[in-house]
Structures are given as C-alpha cells and as structure tokens.
Amino acid sequence: LDLAHALERVVEAAADPAHPLYRKVDLSRIAVVGHSFGGAAAVMLAQMDPRITSVVLLDPWMWPLGRESTEAGVPCPTLVLEAPEFLW
C-alpha cells in the first residue's frame, strides 16, 4: 500500500537528526486523508495500522475495499465529505 510506504518514510525522516522533519512530526496523532479511490486506501491503512488516529474521506469510492472490509468499518474517528451526486 503506497500510503503505508509514505508513512514509513515520514516516520524515518522524523527520527533522523539530519532530516528537516526531525522532531517536527507528532507521531501520536497521525491522520490519513484520501479522495475517491484514495479514500478506500485511507480506510485500508487505518484498518492495518493502529498508529492512525483519524481519517478524512473526500468523496470516497469504497467499492475497491470489498464488502468485508467496508462492513468492518474504520477503527478511529472519521470525517466523510461526499457530493450528493456525480458532478461533471
């Protein structure tokens, strides 16, 4: 999962004294944000990684998760912003 890889790179950077992010990231409050298919990826990461403390879903497309994962829900506070219809 690309989001998991990105999170690991941020965690590594925050622990590296030579990196600009050193001691600048609060790893006790990690939020993940995703739009459309990225919303499903954000939910998947929250289900896999207990470090995720909140999720923001921007007009999520949840079909890629499948029924079982969708019914399992999100294990942390979640904000969903969704359009009432597909807008072109």
N, C-alpha and C. Protein backbone atom coordinates (compact mmCIF):
# COMPACT_ATOMS: atom_id res chain seq x y z
N LEU A 1 0.86 -1.19 0.00
CA LEU A 1 0.00 0.00 0.00
C LEU A 1 0.90 1.24 0.00
N ASP A 2 0.75 2.09 -0.98
CA ASP A 2 1.58 3.29 -1.12
C ASP A 2 1.50 4.19 0.11
N LEU A 3 0.31 4.31 0.70
CA LEU A 3 0.17 5.16 1.88
C LEU A 3 1.01 4.63 3.04
N ALA A 4 1.07 3.34 3.21
CA ALA A 4 1.88 2.75 4.28
C ALA A 4 3.36 3.05 4.04
N HIS A 5 3.78 2.96 2.80
CA HIS A 5 5.17 3.26 2.46
C HIS A 5 5.48 4.73 2.75
N ALA A 6 4.59 5.62 2.36
CA ALA A 6 4.78 7.06 2.61
C ALA A 6 4.86 7.34 4.11
N LEU A 7 3.99 6.70 4.88
CA LEU A 7 4.01 6.90 6.33
C LEU A 7 5.34 6.44 6.92
N GLU A 8 5.84 5.31 6.48
CA GLU A 8 7.12 4.82 6.99
C GLU A 8 8.26 5.78 6.67
N ARG A 9 8.23 6.38 5.48
CA ARG A 9 9.28 7.34 5.13
C ARG A 9 9.21 8.58 6.04
N VAL A 10 8.00 9.03 6.37
CA VAL A 10 7.86 10.18 7.29
C VAL A 10 8.36 9.81 8.68
N VAL A 11 8.01 8.61 9.14
CA VAL A 11 8.47 8.16 10.47
C VAL A 11 9.99 8.10 10.50
N GLU A 12 10.61 7.56 9.45
CA GLU A 12 12.07 7.51 9.39
C GLU A 12 12.68 8.91 9.38
N ALA A 13 12.10 9.81 8.58
CA ALA A 13 12.61 11.18 8.50
C ALA A 13 12.52 11.88 9.84
N ALA A 14 11.42 11.67 10.55
CA ALA A 14 11.22 12.32 11.86
C ALA A 14 12.23 11.84 12.90
N ALA A 15 12.81 10.67 12.67
CA ALA A 15 13.79 10.12 13.62
C ALA A 15 15.24 10.40 13.21
N ASP A 16 15.44 11.01 12.06
CA ASP A 16 16.78 11.26 11.53
C ASP A 16 17.23 12.68 11.85
N PRO A 17 18.24 12.86 12.72
CA PRO A 17 18.69 14.20 13.09
C PRO A 17 19.14 15.06 11.90
N ALA A 18 19.51 14.46 10.80
CA ALA A 18 19.95 15.20 9.62
C ALA A 18 18.80 15.65 8.72
N HIS A 19 17.58 15.19 9.00
CA HIS A 19 16.44 15.49 8.14
C HIS A 19 15.68 16.71 8.66
N PRO A 20 15.15 17.55 7.76
CA PRO A 20 14.38 18.74 8.19
C PRO A 20 13.13 18.41 9.03
N LEU A 21 12.60 17.20 8.90
CA LEU A 21 11.42 16.82 9.68
C LEU A 21 11.77 16.32 11.08
N TYR A 22 13.05 16.23 11.40
CA TYR A 22 13.46 15.72 12.70
C TYR A 22 12.79 16.51 13.83
N ARG A 23 12.09 15.76 14.70
CA ARG A 23 11.40 16.30 15.87
C ARG A 23 10.32 17.33 15.52
N LYS A 24 9.79 17.25 14.29
CA LYS A 24 8.74 18.18 13.86
C LYS A 24 7.40 17.47 13.61
N VAL A 25 7.39 16.15 13.74
CA VAL A 25 6.19 15.37 13.44
C VAL A 25 5.68 14.73 14.73
N ASP A 26 4.40 14.95 15.03
CA ASP A 26 3.78 14.34 16.20
C ASP A 26 3.24 12.97 15.80
N LEU A 27 3.99 11.93 16.07
CA LEU A 27 3.61 10.58 15.66
C LEU A 27 2.52 9.97 16.54
N SER A 28 2.08 10.71 17.55
CA SER A 28 0.97 10.21 18.38
C SER A 28 -0.38 10.63 17.80
N ARG A 29 -0.36 11.48 16.76
CA ARG A 29 -1.60 11.95 16.13
C ARG A 29 -1.43 11.92 14.62
N ILE A 30 -1.64 10.74 14.04
CA ILE A 30 -1.46 10.57 12.60
C ILE A 30 -2.82 10.47 11.94
N ALA A 31 -3.08 11.40 11.03
CA ALA A 31 -4.32 11.39 10.25
C ALA A 31 -3.98 10.96 8.83
N VAL A 32 -4.93 10.34 8.17
CA VAL A 32 -4.77 9.97 6.77
C VAL A 32 -5.97 10.54 6.01
N VAL A 33 -5.69 11.12 4.84
CA VAL A 33 -6.71 11.76 4.01
C VAL A 33 -6.68 11.12 2.64
N GLY A 34 -7.86 10.84 2.09
CA GLY A 34 -7.91 10.28 0.75
C GLY A 34 -9.12 10.74 -0.01
N HIS A 35 -8.94 10.96 -1.32
CA HIS A 35 -10.04 11.36 -2.21
C HIS A 35 -10.35 10.21 -3.16
N SER A 36 -11.63 9.93 -3.34
CA SER A 36 -12.11 8.90 -4.27
C SER A 36 -11.47 7.55 -3.95
N PHE A 37 -10.72 6.96 -4.90
CA PHE A 37 -10.07 5.68 -4.64
C PHE A 37 -9.11 5.79 -3.46
N GLY A 38 -8.51 6.97 -3.29
CA GLY A 38 -7.63 7.21 -2.15
C GLY A 38 -8.36 7.14 -0.83
N GLY A 39 -9.67 7.39 -0.85
CA GLY A 39 -10.47 7.23 0.36
C GLY A 39 -10.51 5.78 0.81
N ALA A 40 -10.66 4.87 -0.15
CA ALA A 40 -10.63 3.44 0.18
C ALA A 40 -9.25 3.06 0.71
N ALA A 41 -8.20 3.63 0.10
CA ALA A 41 -6.84 3.34 0.57
C ALA A 41 -6.63 3.87 1.98
N ALA A 42 -7.20 5.04 2.28
CA ALA A 42 -7.08 5.61 3.62
C ALA A 42 -7.75 4.72 4.66
N VAL A 43 -8.93 4.21 4.32
CA VAL A 43 -9.63 3.30 5.24
C VAL A 43 -8.80 2.03 5.43
N MET A 44 -8.26 1.50 4.35
CA MET A 44 -7.46 0.28 4.44
C MET A 44 -6.24 0.49 5.34
N LEU A 45 -5.58 1.63 5.19
CA LEU A 45 -4.42 1.90 6.04
C LEU A 45 -4.84 2.00 7.51
N ALA A 46 -5.95 2.66 7.78
CA ALA A 46 -6.43 2.78 9.17
C ALA A 46 -6.76 1.41 9.75
N GLN A 47 -7.29 0.51 8.92
CA GLN A 47 -7.60 -0.84 9.39
C GLN A 47 -6.33 -1.64 9.66
N MET A 48 -5.25 -1.34 8.93
CA MET A 48 -4.00 -2.10 9.04
C MET A 48 -3.04 -1.54 10.10
N ASP A 49 -3.08 -0.24 10.33
CA ASP A 49 -2.04 0.41 11.13
C ASP A 49 -2.65 1.12 12.34
N PRO A 50 -2.41 0.61 13.54
CA PRO A 50 -3.01 1.20 14.75
C PRO A 50 -2.48 2.59 15.09
N ARG A 51 -1.43 3.04 14.40
CA ARG A 51 -0.93 4.41 14.64
C ARG A 51 -1.84 5.48 14.06
N ILE A 52 -2.71 5.09 13.13
CA ILE A 52 -3.63 6.06 12.53
C ILE A 52 -4.70 6.41 13.56
N THR A 53 -4.82 7.71 13.84
CA THR A 53 -5.78 8.15 14.87
C THR A 53 -7.01 8.83 14.30
N SER A 54 -7.00 9.19 13.02
CA SER A 54 -8.18 9.78 12.39
C SER A 54 -8.08 9.67 10.88
N VAL A 55 -9.25 9.71 10.22
CA VAL A 55 -9.32 9.56 8.77
C VAL A 55 -10.26 10.63 8.22
N VAL A 56 -9.87 11.22 7.08
CA VAL A 56 -10.73 12.14 6.35
C VAL A 56 -10.93 11.56 4.96
N LEU A 57 -12.19 11.37 4.57
CA LEU A 57 -12.52 10.80 3.27
C LEU A 57 -13.22 11.87 2.44
N LEU A 58 -12.65 12.19 1.29
CA LEU A 58 -13.20 13.20 0.39
C LEU A 58 -13.87 12.50 -0.78
N ASP A 59 -15.19 12.47 -0.77
CA ASP A 59 -15.98 11.80 -1.80
C ASP A 59 -15.41 10.41 -2.10
N PRO A 60 -15.38 9.54 -1.09
CA PRO A 60 -14.70 8.25 -1.25
C PRO A 60 -15.42 7.27 -2.17
N TRP A 61 -14.64 6.50 -2.88
CA TRP A 61 -15.13 5.38 -3.68
C TRP A 61 -14.76 4.13 -2.91
N MET A 62 -15.72 3.54 -2.22
CA MET A 62 -15.43 2.45 -1.29
C MET A 62 -15.49 1.06 -1.92
N TRP A 63 -15.97 0.95 -3.14
CA TRP A 63 -16.10 -0.34 -3.79
C TRP A 63 -14.80 -1.15 -3.77
N PRO A 64 -13.62 -0.54 -3.99
CA PRO A 64 -12.38 -1.34 -4.01
C PRO A 64 -12.10 -2.09 -2.71
N LEU A 65 -12.66 -1.64 -1.60
CA LEU A 65 -12.42 -2.32 -0.32
C LEU A 65 -13.07 -3.69 -0.25
N GLY A 66 -14.18 -3.85 -0.91
CA GLY A 66 -14.93 -5.09 -0.80
C GLY A 66 -15.88 -5.04 0.39
N ARG A 67 -16.82 -5.92 0.39
CA ARG A 67 -17.88 -5.92 1.40
C ARG A 67 -17.34 -6.14 2.82
N GLU A 68 -16.46 -7.12 3.00
CA GLU A 68 -15.98 -7.46 4.33
C GLU A 68 -15.23 -6.29 4.98
N SER A 69 -14.33 -5.68 4.25
CA SER A 69 -13.57 -4.54 4.80
C SER A 69 -14.47 -3.35 5.06
N THR A 70 -15.41 -3.11 4.15
CA THR A 70 -16.33 -1.99 4.33
C THR A 70 -17.18 -2.19 5.57
N GLU A 71 -17.69 -3.40 5.76
CA GLU A 71 -18.52 -3.68 6.93
C GLU A 71 -17.72 -3.66 8.22
N ALA A 72 -16.41 -3.90 8.14
CA ALA A 72 -15.56 -3.84 9.34
C ALA A 72 -15.46 -2.41 9.86
N GLY A 73 -15.65 -1.44 8.98
CA GLY A 73 -15.65 -0.04 9.39
C GLY A 73 -14.24 0.49 9.60
N VAL A 74 -14.20 1.70 10.14
CA VAL A 74 -12.93 2.38 10.39
C VAL A 74 -12.70 2.40 11.89
N PRO A 75 -11.53 1.99 12.36
CA PRO A 75 -11.29 1.85 13.79
C PRO A 75 -10.94 3.15 14.52
N CYS A 76 -11.18 4.30 13.90
CA CYS A 76 -10.86 5.58 14.54
C CYS A 76 -11.84 6.64 14.05
N PRO A 77 -11.85 7.80 14.67
CA PRO A 77 -12.77 8.86 14.21
C PRO A 77 -12.56 9.17 12.72
N THR A 78 -13.68 9.36 12.02
CA THR A 78 -13.65 9.54 10.57
C THR A 78 -14.58 10.66 10.16
N LEU A 79 -14.10 11.52 9.26
CA LEU A 79 -14.91 12.58 8.66
C LEU A 79 -15.07 12.23 7.19
N VAL A 80 -16.34 12.19 6.73
CA VAL A 80 -16.62 11.89 5.33
C VAL A 80 -17.29 13.10 4.71
N LEU A 81 -16.68 13.62 3.65
CA LEU A 81 -17.27 14.71 2.88
C LEU A 81 -17.62 14.13 1.52
N GLU A 82 -18.92 14.16 1.18
CA GLU A 82 -19.37 13.46 -0.01
C GLU A 82 -20.30 14.34 -0.83
N ALA A 83 -20.11 14.32 -2.15
CA ALA A 83 -21.01 15.04 -3.06
C ALA A 83 -22.33 14.30 -3.14
N PRO A 84 -23.43 15.02 -3.29
CA PRO A 84 -24.74 14.36 -3.36
C PRO A 84 -24.94 13.57 -4.65
N GLU A 85 -24.16 13.89 -5.68
CA GLU A 85 -24.26 13.17 -6.94
C GLU A 85 -22.94 13.34 -7.69
N PHE A 86 -22.74 12.53 -8.72
CA PHE A 86 -21.54 12.63 -9.54
C PHE A 86 -21.65 13.90 -10.37
N LEU A 87 -20.73 14.81 -10.19
CA LEU A 87 -20.80 16.10 -10.86
C LEU A 87 -19.79 16.18 -11.99
N TRP A 88 -20.28 16.43 -13.20
CA TRP A 88 -19.39 16.63 -14.34
C TRP A 88 -19.56 18.02 -14.85
